[in-house]
Amino acid sequence: MAKARKIFVCQSCGSTTGKWAGQCEACNEWNSIVEGQDEAHPAGLGKASHNQAKGRLIPLSDLQGEDIPPPRMISNIDEFDRACGGGLVPGSAILIGGDPGIGKSTILLQAVGNLANNGINTIYISGEESISQVRMRARRLGLSKCPVKLGAETNLRDILATLDQEPGLQVVVIDSIQTMYADTVSSAPGTVTQVRTCAQELIRYAKRKNVCIFLVGHVTKDGQIAGPRVLEHMVDTVLYFEGDRGHQFKILRAVKNRFGGTDEIGVFEMSDMGLRQVSNPSALFIGNRAGDISGSAIFAGMEGSRPMLVEIQALVAPSTLGQPRRAVVGWDNGRLAMIIAVLDARCGLGLGAYDIYLNVAGGLRITEPAADMAVAAALISSLSDRPIPEETILFGEISLSGEIRPVSQAEARLKESSKLGFVQAYMPANIKHKGKSLKFVELDQITKLVDLVAQDALQ
């Protein structure tokens, strides 16, 4: 038997090296390399003989009408099912991550509790809490009578043996993957080798038994799931819980989904009875808005397939510093710098000499470029001290030349705005739209937006 040799593994990205270094050359993380052992592997499998080849190729055309997958399992938590792509797919592996205490274990216990009440055989295995502690949390959530089977174990061999003995198993929760360990690996639990090995075995079990499995993952200080990034490539769906401790609203976002759309979100509100879903987040994010305040604009955005209205707040103040300050919450800092440069170069506003603060209300984070026009309007409104007309929504992408470009799914944005009582829309020109419930103001240049919002205040 070959002797195991020592290697050094980065706990951030999983890369290996033959000697220790203070900084990982692959991901540039400091003090993330620890010593491990590389178990010997055979040099090669060699060429398989004809009678040993067990694989069989099946033409895609022969699968029509065969192997029809079973329907998705519904948890009756609409926001959770939406983030998962419309329900749980049998045989899928779902990784869910988030900051400590944000509600990962709570939402999963609520979901499997509802699934168990619907007659689905579920098992919840905790590696961080005892069974009595999980039962205490279930009692607080009103789930004490749910037929969910509980387990407290961290040994992967014992977990798989227990799962194999359970007939008709459909859903399994592993909380968390960093606490699991395989006795075939010499490294400590939570290391890259252990996380990768345990996840691979659990995913293989899920595919073989057609069981939907949830893996709870801890996150690093940067907000990424701890362990190698290959873990995200191994699973079918990756969900992130987003939210600030200062906000009561939590957002479950799908960043990867092989069986549904990405960037789908579910909005939840933390209460004393656990996480309560928010069915109309648009009304929530703009509910307390005062319409006669400058620097406020309503953006009609899209989160996956869901239209959502969000308030964007801007404050432009004279700066006493040599380098004016820029503070951004909920939007891309580089994108804000581009909008400021376009307003300075194409419209001559001189925003570069001001302190600028930008905030997306409600703790939501916006990534789509369609928010450009709403951000620009909020900046112009704050600079001129002129409020944007009440019951007005904005959306559109701004180019470096100062043109306002069309964006996708304009019809859904306008329909959501009309449903919530808005009467006017500032939008790019040449967009096909239906209905007459809104007054459309079509713009093709950023200078027209300045004239519309600021009127004569900046002259």
Protein backbone atom coordinates (compact mmCIF):
# COMPACT_ATOMS: atom_id res chain seq x y z
CA MET A 1 0.00 0.00 0.00
CA ALA A 2 1.39 3.37 -0.98
CA LYS A 3 2.32 5.70 1.83
CA ALA A 4 0.21 8.83 2.27
CA ARG A 5 2.11 12.01 1.62
CA LYS A 6 1.61 15.38 3.26
CA ILE A 7 -0.03 18.12 1.30
CA PHE A 8 -1.27 21.62 2.11
CA VAL A 9 -4.87 22.53 1.31
CA CYS A 10 -6.47 25.99 1.08
CA GLN A 11 -9.59 26.09 3.22
CA SER A 12 -11.09 28.82 1.05
CA CYS A 13 -10.86 27.46 -2.49
CA GLY A 14 -9.66 23.86 -2.01
CA SER A 15 -6.45 24.11 -4.04
CA THR A 16 -3.50 21.96 -2.95
CA THR A 17 0.22 22.58 -2.88
CA GLY A 18 3.30 20.72 -1.81
CA LYS A 19 4.50 23.31 0.70
CA TRP A 20 2.99 25.81 3.09
CA ALA A 21 2.57 29.46 2.12
CA GLY A 22 1.05 32.43 3.86
CA GLN A 23 -1.12 33.35 0.87
CA CYS A 24 -2.96 31.01 -1.47
CA GLU A 25 -1.87 31.56 -5.08
CA ALA A 26 -5.26 30.44 -6.42
CA CYS A 27 -7.64 32.70 -4.46
CA ASN A 28 -5.18 35.17 -2.81
CA GLU A 29 -6.57 34.43 0.68
CA TRP A 30 -4.18 34.88 3.62
CA ASN A 31 -3.63 32.25 6.35
CA SER A 32 -6.05 29.80 4.74
CA ILE A 33 -3.59 26.96 3.99
CA VAL A 34 -3.45 24.05 6.45
CA GLU A 35 -1.58 20.76 6.43
CA GLY A 36 -3.37 17.58 5.40
CA GLN A 37 -2.72 14.15 3.98
CA ASP A 38 -3.29 12.88 0.50
CA GLU A 39 -4.55 9.33 0.66
CA ALA A 40 -2.86 7.26 -2.00
CA HIS A 41 -4.86 6.52 -5.14
CA PRO A 42 -4.18 3.92 -7.81
CA ALA A 43 -2.18 5.15 -10.77
CA GLY A 44 -4.98 4.39 -13.22
CA LEU A 45 -8.01 2.22 -13.89
CA GLY A 46 -6.58 0.76 -17.05
CA LYS A 47 -8.55 -0.35 -20.08
CA ALA A 48 -11.81 -2.16 -19.33
CA SER A 49 -12.42 -5.47 -21.03
CA HIS A 50 -15.55 -6.00 -23.10
CA ASN A 51 -17.37 -8.08 -20.49
CA GLN A 52 -16.53 -5.57 -17.75
CA ALA A 53 -18.14 -2.61 -19.50
CA LYS A 54 -21.48 -2.28 -17.76
CA GLY A 55 -22.42 1.15 -19.14
CA ARG A 56 -25.19 1.34 -21.75
CA LEU A 57 -25.80 4.29 -24.06
CA ILE A 58 -29.43 5.22 -24.61
CA PRO A 59 -30.52 7.43 -27.52
CA LEU A 60 -32.37 10.53 -26.40
CA SER A 61 -35.20 9.78 -28.83
CA ASP A 62 -35.91 6.47 -27.02
CA LEU A 63 -36.66 8.32 -23.78
CA GLN A 64 -39.80 10.02 -25.06
CA GLY A 65 -42.73 8.99 -22.94
CA GLU A 66 -40.49 6.99 -20.59
CA ASP A 67 -39.00 7.75 -17.20
CA ILE A 68 -41.48 10.57 -16.59
CA PRO A 69 -40.30 12.24 -13.38
CA PRO A 70 -42.73 12.44 -10.47
CA PRO A 71 -44.37 15.80 -9.75
CA ARG A 72 -42.63 18.38 -7.60
CA MET A 73 -43.19 18.26 -3.86
CA ILE A 74 -44.91 21.41 -2.58
CA SER A 75 -44.23 22.73 0.92
CA ASN A 76 -47.21 25.14 0.90
CA ILE A 77 -44.78 27.99 1.68
CA ASP A 78 -45.20 29.86 -1.57
CA GLU A 79 -42.11 32.03 -1.21
CA PHE A 80 -39.94 28.99 -0.43
CA ASP A 81 -41.37 26.99 -3.34
CA ARG A 82 -40.82 29.96 -5.67
CA ALA A 83 -37.13 30.19 -4.77
CA CYS A 84 -36.77 26.43 -5.35
CA GLY A 85 -38.22 26.77 -8.84
CA GLY A 86 -41.84 25.80 -8.12
CA GLY A 87 -41.31 22.99 -5.62
CA LEU A 88 -38.82 20.26 -4.73
CA VAL A 89 -37.59 17.93 -7.46
CA PRO A 90 -37.09 14.30 -6.34
CA GLY A 91 -33.43 13.29 -6.53
CA SER A 92 -32.13 16.87 -6.36
CA ALA A 93 -29.48 18.28 -4.01
CA ILE A 94 -30.09 21.78 -2.63
CA LEU A 95 -27.44 23.84 -0.84
CA ILE A 96 -28.69 26.68 1.38
CA GLY A 97 -26.33 29.20 2.98
CA GLY A 98 -26.54 32.40 4.98
CA ASP A 99 -25.19 34.32 7.95
CA PRO A 100 -25.45 32.74 11.42
CA GLY A 101 -28.88 33.23 12.96
CA ILE A 102 -30.55 34.44 9.77
CA GLY A 103 -33.07 31.58 9.72
CA LYS A 104 -31.68 28.67 7.64
CA SER A 105 -32.63 25.97 10.13
CA THR A 106 -35.95 27.67 10.90
CA ILE A 107 -37.19 27.83 7.31
CA LEU A 108 -36.08 24.24 6.62
CA LEU A 109 -37.84 22.95 9.73
CA GLN A 110 -40.99 24.81 8.70
CA ALA A 111 -40.73 23.43 5.14
CA VAL A 112 -40.20 19.78 6.13
CA GLY A 113 -42.93 20.13 8.76
CA ASN A 114 -45.42 21.14 6.07
CA LEU A 115 -44.16 18.40 3.76
CA ALA A 116 -44.60 15.81 6.50
CA ASN A 117 -48.13 17.03 7.14
CA ASN A 118 -48.81 16.45 3.42
CA GLY A 119 -47.82 12.79 3.77
CA ILE A 120 -44.20 13.09 2.53
CA ASN A 121 -41.66 10.97 4.41
CA THR A 122 -39.03 13.41 5.75
CA ILE A 123 -35.95 13.17 7.98
CA TYR A 124 -34.18 16.09 9.68
CA ILE A 125 -30.62 15.30 10.79
CA SER A 126 -28.85 17.90 12.93
CA GLY A 127 -25.14 17.90 13.55
CA GLU A 128 -25.18 21.04 15.69
CA GLU A 129 -28.16 20.52 18.00
CA SER A 130 -29.50 17.65 20.04
CA ILE A 131 -32.90 16.14 19.37
CA SER A 132 -34.37 17.88 22.42
CA GLN A 133 -33.13 21.25 21.16
CA VAL A 134 -34.64 20.68 17.71
CA ARG A 135 -37.90 19.60 19.36
CA MET A 136 -37.87 22.77 21.46
CA ARG A 137 -37.54 24.90 18.34
CA ALA A 138 -40.30 22.93 16.61
CA ARG A 139 -42.59 23.56 19.58
CA ARG A 140 -41.93 27.29 19.35
CA LEU A 141 -42.80 27.20 15.63
CA GLY A 142 -46.02 25.28 16.27
CA LEU A 143 -44.68 22.12 14.57
CA SER A 144 -44.46 19.80 17.56
CA LYS A 145 -47.13 17.44 16.14
CA CYS A 146 -45.60 17.16 12.67
CA PRO A 147 -44.51 13.58 11.77
CA VAL A 148 -40.92 14.59 10.97
CA LYS A 149 -38.28 12.05 11.97
CA LEU A 150 -35.39 13.66 13.85
CA GLY A 151 -31.79 12.57 14.22
CA ALA A 152 -28.62 13.99 15.78
CA GLU A 153 -25.47 12.53 14.21
CA THR A 154 -22.27 13.64 12.48
CA ASN A 155 -20.80 10.31 11.30
CA LEU A 156 -21.54 9.99 7.59
CA ARG A 157 -21.40 6.19 7.64
CA ASP A 158 -24.05 5.99 10.36
CA ILE A 159 -26.24 8.58 8.62
CA LEU A 160 -26.22 6.73 5.29
CA ALA A 161 -26.91 3.40 7.03
CA THR A 162 -29.91 4.96 8.79
CA LEU A 163 -31.24 6.48 5.58
CA ASP A 164 -30.94 3.16 3.74
CA GLN A 165 -33.12 1.50 6.39
CA GLU A 166 -35.93 4.03 5.96
CA PRO A 167 -38.49 2.82 3.36
CA GLY A 168 -40.14 5.36 1.09
CA LEU A 169 -37.87 8.24 2.11
CA GLN A 170 -38.45 11.41 0.06
CA VAL A 171 -36.79 14.45 1.74
CA VAL A 172 -33.66 14.68 3.94
CA VAL A 173 -32.16 17.74 5.66
CA ILE A 174 -28.48 17.74 6.70
CA ASP A 175 -27.79 20.61 9.13
CA SER A 176 -24.99 21.33 8.51
CA ILE A 177 -22.55 19.87 5.97
CA GLN A 178 -19.56 21.39 7.83
CA THR A 179 -20.28 19.24 10.91
CA MET A 180 -20.33 15.94 9.02
CA TYR A 181 -17.26 13.73 8.82
CA ALA A 182 -16.32 10.57 6.93
CA ASP A 183 -14.14 8.10 8.85
CA THR A 184 -12.32 7.22 5.61
CA VAL A 185 -10.73 10.68 5.57
CA SER A 186 -8.10 11.60 8.15
CA SER A 187 -8.71 15.36 8.19
CA ALA A 188 -10.89 17.12 10.77
CA PRO A 189 -14.59 17.91 10.22
CA GLY A 190 -15.18 21.17 8.39
CA THR A 191 -12.04 20.99 6.30
CA VAL A 192 -12.15 21.09 2.53
CA THR A 193 -11.50 17.36 2.15
CA GLN A 194 -14.22 16.39 4.62
CA VAL A 195 -16.82 18.80 3.19
CA ARG A 196 -16.15 17.64 -0.36
CA THR A 197 -16.21 13.94 0.53
CA CYS A 198 -19.37 14.10 2.65
CA ALA A 199 -21.23 16.21 0.08
CA GLN A 200 -20.24 13.85 -2.73
CA GLU A 201 -21.50 10.78 -0.84
CA LEU A 202 -24.77 12.45 0.14
CA ILE A 203 -25.41 13.67 -3.40
CA ARG A 204 -24.66 10.21 -4.78
CA TYR A 205 -27.18 8.77 -2.31
CA ALA A 206 -29.81 11.35 -3.38
CA LYS A 207 -29.40 10.46 -7.06
CA ARG A 208 -29.42 6.73 -6.43
CA LYS A 209 -32.49 6.71 -4.17
CA ASN A 210 -34.35 9.60 -5.87
CA VAL A 211 -34.44 11.55 -2.59
CA CYS A 212 -34.41 15.34 -2.34
CA ILE A 213 -31.64 16.36 0.06
CA PHE A 214 -30.95 19.75 1.67
CA LEU A 215 -27.42 20.67 2.72
CA VAL A 216 -27.04 23.63 5.09
CA GLY A 217 -23.74 25.46 4.58
CA HIS A 218 -21.99 27.98 6.79
CA VAL A 219 -20.73 31.18 5.19
CA THR A 220 -17.43 33.02 5.50
CA LYS A 221 -16.98 36.66 6.48
CA ASP A 222 -17.30 37.56 2.79
CA GLY A 223 -20.74 35.95 2.63
CA GLN A 224 -19.65 32.93 0.56
CA ILE A 225 -20.40 29.34 1.52
CA ALA A 226 -17.44 28.01 3.50
CA GLY A 227 -15.44 25.27 1.84
CA PRO A 228 -14.42 24.75 -1.80
CA ARG A 229 -16.41 26.43 -4.56
CA VAL A 230 -16.67 22.99 -6.16
CA LEU A 231 -19.43 22.31 -3.61
CA GLU A 232 -21.68 24.76 -5.44
CA HIS A 233 -20.96 22.98 -8.73
CA MET A 234 -21.86 19.57 -7.26
CA VAL A 235 -25.39 20.46 -6.13
CA ASP A 236 -28.40 21.19 -8.33
CA THR A 237 -29.63 24.32 -6.54
CA VAL A 238 -27.86 26.98 -4.46
CA LEU A 239 -29.97 29.23 -2.22
CA TYR A 240 -28.62 32.18 -0.23
CA PHE A 241 -30.38 33.84 2.68
CA GLU A 242 -29.82 37.59 2.48
CA GLY A 243 -30.73 40.17 5.07
CA ASP A 244 -29.34 42.70 7.50
CA ARG A 245 -29.75 42.28 11.23
CA GLY A 246 -31.19 45.81 11.24
CA HIS A 247 -34.05 44.73 8.95
CA GLN A 248 -36.80 42.31 9.84
CA PHE A 249 -37.14 41.13 6.24
CA LYS A 250 -35.10 38.21 4.92
CA ILE A 251 -34.66 37.31 1.26
CA LEU A 252 -34.07 33.76 0.01
CA ARG A 253 -32.37 34.05 -3.39
CA ALA A 254 -31.65 31.26 -5.89
CA VAL A 255 -28.24 31.85 -7.47
CA LYS A 256 -28.22 28.49 -9.24
CA ASN A 257 -31.03 26.14 -10.18
CA ARG A 258 -30.87 23.31 -12.69
CA PHE A 259 -34.63 22.82 -12.50
CA GLY A 260 -35.83 26.43 -12.45
CA GLY A 261 -34.91 30.04 -12.99
CA THR A 262 -32.06 31.82 -11.24
CA ASP A 263 -32.43 35.08 -9.32
CA GLU A 264 -35.84 33.98 -8.09
CA ILE A 265 -36.41 35.29 -4.58
CA GLY A 266 -38.68 34.58 -1.66
CA VAL A 267 -39.34 37.35 0.88
CA PHE A 268 -39.84 36.49 4.56
CA GLU A 269 -40.44 38.42 7.74
CA MET A 270 -39.01 37.22 11.05
CA SER A 271 -41.62 36.88 13.80
CA ASP A 272 -41.91 35.13 17.16
CA MET A 273 -43.49 32.16 15.32
CA GLY A 274 -40.64 31.78 12.86
CA LEU A 275 -40.34 33.09 9.32
CA ARG A 276 -43.56 34.42 7.85
CA GLN A 277 -43.78 34.75 4.08
CA VAL A 278 -44.53 38.12 2.50
CA SER A 279 -46.94 37.62 -0.39
CA ASN A 280 -46.76 41.20 -1.75
CA PRO A 281 -43.19 42.49 -1.28
CA SER A 282 -43.73 45.49 -3.60
CA ALA A 283 -46.28 47.02 -1.23
CA LEU A 284 -43.93 46.20 1.63
CA PHE A 285 -40.86 47.97 0.22
CA ILE A 286 -42.74 51.14 -0.74
CA GLY A 287 -45.44 51.14 1.96
CA ASN A 288 -44.08 53.93 4.19
CA ARG A 289 -42.92 56.26 1.44
CA ALA A 290 -43.71 59.98 1.55
CA GLY A 291 -44.33 61.24 -1.97
CA ASP A 292 -43.29 64.87 -1.56
CA ILE A 293 -39.64 64.30 -0.55
CA SER A 294 -36.81 64.98 -2.99
CA GLY A 295 -34.23 62.30 -3.69
CA SER A 296 -36.74 59.43 -3.75
CA ALA A 297 -37.64 57.36 -6.84
CA ILE A 298 -39.67 54.18 -7.32
CA PHE A 299 -37.94 51.59 -9.48
CA ALA A 300 -39.99 48.92 -11.26
CA GLY A 301 -37.55 46.00 -11.19
CA MET A 302 -37.54 42.28 -11.85
CA GLU A 303 -36.29 39.60 -9.47
CA GLY A 304 -36.23 36.47 -11.59
CA SER A 305 -39.74 36.20 -13.02
CA ARG A 306 -41.30 38.39 -10.33
CA PRO A 307 -41.87 42.13 -10.86
CA MET A 308 -41.06 44.16 -7.76
CA LEU A 309 -41.30 47.85 -6.95
CA VAL A 310 -38.54 49.27 -4.76
CA GLU A 311 -37.81 52.74 -3.42
CA ILE A 312 -34.36 54.17 -4.24
CA GLN A 313 -33.21 56.99 -1.99
CA ALA A 314 -30.40 59.45 -2.80
CA LEU A 315 -28.86 62.33 -0.89
CA VAL A 316 -26.54 64.83 -2.59
CA ALA A 317 -24.81 67.18 -0.14
CA PRO A 318 -21.96 69.71 -0.51
CA SER A 319 -18.63 68.16 0.43
CA THR A 320 -15.96 69.69 2.66
CA LEU A 321 -13.48 66.92 1.88
CA GLY A 322 -10.78 66.86 -0.76
CA GLN A 323 -12.25 63.62 -2.07
CA PRO A 324 -16.07 63.58 -1.83
CA ARG A 325 -17.59 60.61 -0.09
CA ARG A 326 -19.63 57.88 -1.81
CA ALA A 327 -21.75 55.52 0.30
CA VAL A 328 -23.91 52.88 -1.39
CA VAL A 329 -26.25 50.34 0.22
CA GLY A 330 -28.02 47.77 -1.95
CA TRP A 331 -26.51 48.71 -5.32
CA ASP A 332 -23.22 48.40 -7.18
CA ASN A 333 -20.68 51.09 -6.28
CA GLY A 334 -19.07 50.99 -9.71
CA ARG A 335 -22.42 51.42 -11.40
CA LEU A 336 -23.10 54.52 -9.31
CA ALA A 337 -19.75 55.99 -10.35
CA MET A 338 -20.68 55.45 -14.01
CA ILE A 339 -24.05 57.21 -13.60
CA ILE A 340 -22.37 60.17 -11.88
CA ALA A 341 -19.83 60.42 -14.70
CA VAL A 342 -22.57 60.36 -17.37
CA LEU A 343 -24.57 63.07 -15.57
CA ASP A 344 -21.43 65.22 -15.27
CA ALA A 345 -20.17 64.73 -18.83
CA ARG A 346 -23.47 64.72 -20.74
CA CYS A 347 -25.60 67.04 -18.59
CA GLY A 348 -23.03 69.24 -16.83
CA LEU A 349 -24.46 68.73 -13.33
CA GLY A 350 -21.09 68.68 -11.52
CA LEU A 351 -21.99 65.87 -9.11
CA GLY A 352 -18.31 65.01 -8.69
CA ALA A 353 -17.91 67.79 -6.12
CA TYR A 354 -20.70 66.51 -3.84
CA ASP A 355 -20.99 63.83 -1.19
CA ILE A 356 -23.43 61.23 -2.49
CA TYR A 357 -25.34 58.65 -0.45
CA LEU A 358 -27.50 56.01 -2.14
CA ASN A 359 -29.77 53.50 -0.43
CA VAL A 360 -32.19 50.80 -1.59
CA ALA A 361 -35.02 50.78 0.95
CA GLY A 362 -35.98 47.61 2.78
CA GLY A 363 -32.58 45.88 2.68
CA LEU A 364 -33.01 44.59 -0.88
CA ARG A 365 -30.00 44.33 -3.20
CA ILE A 366 -30.49 45.27 -6.87
CA THR A 367 -28.19 43.96 -9.59
CA GLU A 368 -29.96 44.66 -12.89
CA PRO A 369 -28.93 47.69 -15.01
CA ALA A 370 -32.58 48.66 -15.48
CA ALA A 371 -32.27 50.64 -12.22
CA ASP A 372 -29.99 53.21 -13.89
CA MET A 373 -32.75 55.68 -14.71
CA ALA A 374 -34.32 55.47 -11.23
CA VAL A 375 -30.92 56.11 -9.62
CA ALA A 376 -30.22 59.03 -11.96
CA ALA A 377 -33.65 60.52 -11.25
CA ALA A 378 -33.12 60.22 -7.49
CA LEU A 379 -29.74 62.00 -7.79
CA ILE A 380 -31.19 64.78 -9.96
CA SER A 381 -34.14 65.17 -7.58
CA SER A 382 -31.90 65.48 -4.53
CA LEU A 383 -29.52 67.93 -6.24
CA SER A 384 -32.34 70.19 -7.44
CA ASP A 385 -34.49 69.67 -4.31
CA ARG A 386 -37.44 68.89 -6.57
CA PRO A 387 -39.49 65.76 -5.72
CA ILE A 388 -40.38 63.35 -8.49
CA PRO A 389 -44.12 63.46 -9.26
CA GLU A 390 -46.19 61.22 -7.01
CA GLU A 391 -47.34 57.79 -8.22
CA THR A 392 -44.52 57.63 -10.79
CA ILE A 393 -42.31 54.64 -11.54
CA LEU A 394 -39.05 54.57 -13.50
CA PHE A 395 -36.93 51.97 -15.27
CA GLY A 396 -34.35 52.00 -18.04
CA GLU A 397 -30.65 51.43 -18.71
CA ILE A 398 -28.30 54.39 -19.28
CA SER A 399 -25.40 54.06 -21.69
CA LEU A 400 -22.12 55.98 -21.56
CA SER A 401 -23.33 58.16 -24.43
CA GLY A 402 -26.30 59.31 -22.36
CA GLU A 403 -28.89 57.24 -24.23
CA ILE A 404 -31.68 55.50 -22.35
CA ARG A 405 -31.94 51.94 -23.61
CA PRO A 406 -34.89 49.53 -23.45
CA VAL A 407 -34.91 46.69 -20.91
CA SER A 408 -36.60 43.30 -20.89
CA GLN A 409 -39.98 42.37 -19.42
CA ALA A 410 -41.35 45.89 -19.56
CA GLU A 411 -44.93 44.59 -19.73
CA ALA A 412 -44.63 42.80 -16.39
CA ARG A 413 -43.12 45.89 -14.75
CA LEU A 414 -45.96 48.11 -15.98
CA LYS A 415 -48.62 45.61 -14.96
CA GLU A 416 -47.28 45.43 -11.39
CA SER A 417 -47.11 49.22 -11.19
CA SER A 418 -50.69 49.60 -12.37
CA LYS A 419 -51.88 47.00 -9.86
CA LEU A 420 -50.36 48.99 -6.99
CA GLY A 421 -52.03 52.23 -8.04
CA PHE A 422 -49.28 54.07 -9.92
CA VAL A 423 -50.48 56.33 -12.71
CA GLN A 424 -47.31 57.40 -14.57
CA ALA A 425 -44.19 55.69 -15.91
CA TYR A 426 -40.88 57.19 -17.04
CA MET A 427 -39.53 54.56 -19.39
CA PRO A 428 -37.28 54.12 -22.45
CA ALA A 429 -38.69 54.84 -25.88
CA ASN A 430 -39.56 52.16 -28.45
CA ILE A 431 -40.92 49.66 -25.91
CA LYS A 432 -44.02 47.74 -26.86
CA HIS A 433 -46.64 48.00 -24.14
CA LYS A 434 -50.32 47.35 -23.80
CA GLY A 435 -53.08 48.94 -21.76
CA LYS A 436 -54.03 52.52 -21.04
CA SER A 437 -54.10 52.49 -17.23
CA LEU A 438 -50.72 54.28 -17.04
CA LYS A 439 -49.50 57.52 -18.55
CA PHE A 440 -46.30 56.73 -20.45
CA VAL A 441 -43.45 59.26 -20.64
CA GLU A 442 -40.93 57.83 -23.12
CA LEU A 443 -37.35 59.13 -22.94
CA ASP A 444 -34.39 58.43 -25.21
CA GLN A 445 -31.73 60.77 -23.71
CA ILE A 446 -30.61 61.41 -20.14
CA THR A 447 -30.82 65.17 -20.79
CA LYS A 448 -34.59 64.85 -21.19
CA LEU A 449 -34.78 63.17 -17.79
CA VAL A 450 -32.87 66.10 -16.25
CA ASP A 451 -35.28 68.59 -17.83
CA LEU A 452 -38.27 66.55 -16.70
CA VAL A 453 -37.22 66.10 -13.06
CA ALA A 454 -35.30 69.31 -12.31
CA GLN A 455 -37.24 71.63 -14.63
CA ASP A 456 -35.64 75.11 -14.14
CA ALA A 457 -34.05 74.48 -10.75
CA LEU A 458 -30.56 73.73 -12.12
CA GLN A 459 -30.36 76.64 -14.52
